Amino acid sequence: MAIGSLISNQTILCSDSHVSYKGYAIDKGIEYHPLRSDMKQRVIKGIYHIQHVNSLHSHLKGWLSNRFYGVSTKYLQKYLNWFRIKQQLKKSKNFVKELAELSLNNITARENYEQTQQRYLEICNLQR
């Protein structure tokens, strides 16, 4: 798995009850809490749930569907970066200032900005 090297033995996996997750948890030796959606189980022990992930997935899917006519896996990281910034700044009282501060923290921001128009045109051409 792509994230396998990021998983430590202190990781707690909380997911739906698909058998593959159980096998993964056993292989990695990590704590596992499966949620049974067929039994309307939403929370285990008052703390283990997947509502945040489901909500984020729903928002991302809706945003992609409403903004684009489809997405290319070639640009998937860029879509995800855009969505992440959008989420980070959604309650911003000074959007431009905070966006500038985030951009300044990114050493490739100027290069990315300068390529924005070209990338936009490329994405538009892919949708035709």
Protein backbone atom coordinates (compact mmCIF):
# COMPACT_ATOMS: atom_id res chain seq x y z
CA MET A 1 0.00 0.00 0.00
CA ALA A 2 1.08 3.54 -0.71
CA ILE A 3 0.69 4.64 2.92
CA GLY A 4 2.20 1.51 4.43
CA SER A 5 5.44 3.22 5.42
CA LEU A 6 3.48 5.93 7.26
CA ILE A 7 1.66 3.47 9.53
CA SER A 8 3.21 2.93 12.95
CA ASN A 9 2.33 0.31 15.54
CA GLN A 10 0.53 3.07 17.49
CA THR A 11 -1.93 3.67 14.63
CA ILE A 12 -5.60 2.95 15.27
CA LEU A 13 -7.60 1.98 12.20
CA CYS A 14 -11.31 2.72 12.23
CA SER A 15 -13.24 1.79 9.10
CA ASP A 16 -16.21 -0.04 7.73
CA SER A 17 -16.17 -3.75 8.43
CA HIS A 18 -14.79 -4.93 5.09
CA VAL A 19 -12.61 -8.00 5.63
CA SER A 20 -9.60 -6.46 3.82
CA TYR A 21 -9.20 -3.82 6.55
CA LYS A 22 -9.12 -6.50 9.23
CA GLY A 23 -6.40 -8.38 7.35
CA TYR A 24 -4.40 -5.18 6.89
CA ALA A 25 -4.65 -4.38 10.62
CA ILE A 26 -3.51 -7.89 11.51
CA ASP A 27 -0.60 -7.72 9.04
CA LYS A 28 0.52 -4.33 10.41
CA GLY A 29 -0.15 -5.28 14.04
CA ILE A 30 -2.36 -2.26 14.68
CA GLU A 31 -5.52 -1.73 16.70
CA TYR A 32 -8.68 -2.04 14.57
CA HIS A 33 -12.27 -0.90 15.20
CA PRO A 34 -14.73 -1.92 12.46
CA LEU A 35 -18.07 -0.14 12.15
CA ARG A 36 -21.04 -2.19 11.00
CA SER A 37 -23.15 0.06 8.78
CA ASP A 38 -25.66 -2.77 8.23
CA MET A 39 -26.39 -2.56 11.97
CA LYS A 40 -26.52 1.29 11.88
CA GLN A 41 -23.36 1.41 13.99
CA ARG A 42 -21.88 4.91 13.76
CA VAL A 43 -19.68 5.19 16.88
CA ILE A 44 -17.74 2.67 18.96
CA LYS A 45 -16.95 3.41 22.62
CA GLY A 46 -18.00 7.01 22.09
CA ILE A 47 -14.80 7.92 20.21
CA TYR A 48 -14.22 5.69 17.18
CA HIS A 49 -16.17 6.86 14.14
CA ILE A 50 -15.71 7.67 10.47
CA GLN A 51 -18.13 10.58 10.12
CA HIS A 52 -15.35 13.12 9.50
CA VAL A 53 -13.91 11.03 6.69
CA ASN A 54 -17.34 10.40 5.17
CA SER A 55 -18.19 14.11 5.39
CA LEU A 56 -14.90 15.17 3.83
CA HIS A 57 -15.32 12.59 1.07
CA SER A 58 -18.84 13.85 0.39
CA HIS A 59 -17.70 17.49 0.21
CA LEU A 60 -14.77 16.63 -2.07
CA LYS A 61 -16.94 14.55 -4.39
CA GLY A 62 -19.59 17.28 -4.55
CA TRP A 63 -17.01 20.01 -5.20
CA LEU A 64 -15.36 18.02 -7.99
CA SER A 65 -18.73 17.17 -9.56
CA ASN A 66 -19.99 20.76 -9.44
CA ARG A 67 -16.78 22.46 -10.56
CA PHE A 68 -15.47 20.12 -13.25
CA TYR A 69 -16.85 17.83 -15.95
CA GLY A 70 -14.59 15.08 -14.73
CA VAL A 71 -11.11 14.88 -13.32
CA SER A 72 -7.86 13.51 -14.60
CA THR A 73 -5.73 11.39 -12.33
CA LYS A 74 -2.76 13.20 -13.86
CA TYR A 75 -3.90 16.36 -12.03
CA LEU A 76 -5.46 14.70 -9.00
CA GLN A 77 -2.88 16.07 -6.57
CA LYS A 78 -3.54 19.59 -7.82
CA TYR A 79 -7.31 19.16 -7.35
CA LEU A 80 -6.69 17.86 -3.83
CA ASN A 81 -4.35 20.76 -3.03
CA TRP A 82 -6.96 23.24 -4.26
CA PHE A 83 -9.66 21.55 -2.19
CA ARG A 84 -7.41 21.51 0.88
CA ILE A 85 -6.72 25.24 0.65
CA LYS A 86 -10.43 25.87 0.08
CA GLN A 87 -11.23 23.87 3.23
CA GLN A 88 -8.52 25.58 5.27
CA LEU A 89 -9.78 29.04 4.36
CA LYS A 90 -13.54 28.45 4.30
CA LYS A 91 -14.06 30.39 7.56
CA SER A 92 -11.43 33.01 6.79
CA LYS A 93 -12.27 36.60 7.62
CA ASN A 94 -9.37 37.85 5.49
CA PHE A 95 -9.14 35.37 2.63
CA VAL A 96 -6.57 37.20 0.50
CA LYS A 97 -4.14 37.77 3.38
CA GLU A 98 -4.38 34.19 4.61
CA LEU A 99 -4.03 32.80 1.09
CA ALA A 100 -0.92 34.96 0.60
CA GLU A 101 0.55 33.71 3.89
CA LEU A 102 -0.07 30.10 2.90
CA SER A 103 1.48 30.76 -0.49
CA LEU A 104 4.56 32.33 1.04
CA ASN A 105 5.08 29.19 3.08
CA ASN A 106 5.23 27.24 -0.18
CA ILE A 107 8.59 27.81 -1.87
CA THR A 108 7.20 26.83 -5.27
CA ALA A 109 4.09 29.03 -4.99
CA ARG A 110 5.31 31.68 -7.43
CA GLU A 111 6.24 29.07 -10.01
CA ASN A 112 2.87 27.37 -9.53
CA TYR A 113 1.07 30.72 -9.84
CA GLU A 114 2.89 31.57 -13.06
CA GLN A 115 1.84 28.22 -14.54
CA THR A 116 -1.80 28.57 -13.49
CA GLN A 117 -3.12 29.94 -16.77
CA GLN A 118 -1.29 27.32 -18.83
CA ARG A 119 -2.52 24.51 -16.57
CA TYR A 120 -6.07 25.85 -16.72
CA LEU A 121 -5.96 25.80 -20.51
CA GLU A 122 -4.58 22.26 -20.45
CA ILE A 123 -7.42 21.12 -18.18
CA CYS A 124 -10.00 22.82 -20.42
CA ASN A 125 -8.56 21.11 -23.49
CA LEU A 126 -8.70 17.73 -21.75
CA GLN A 127 -12.41 18.16 -21.08
CA ARG A 128 -13.26 18.55 -24.77
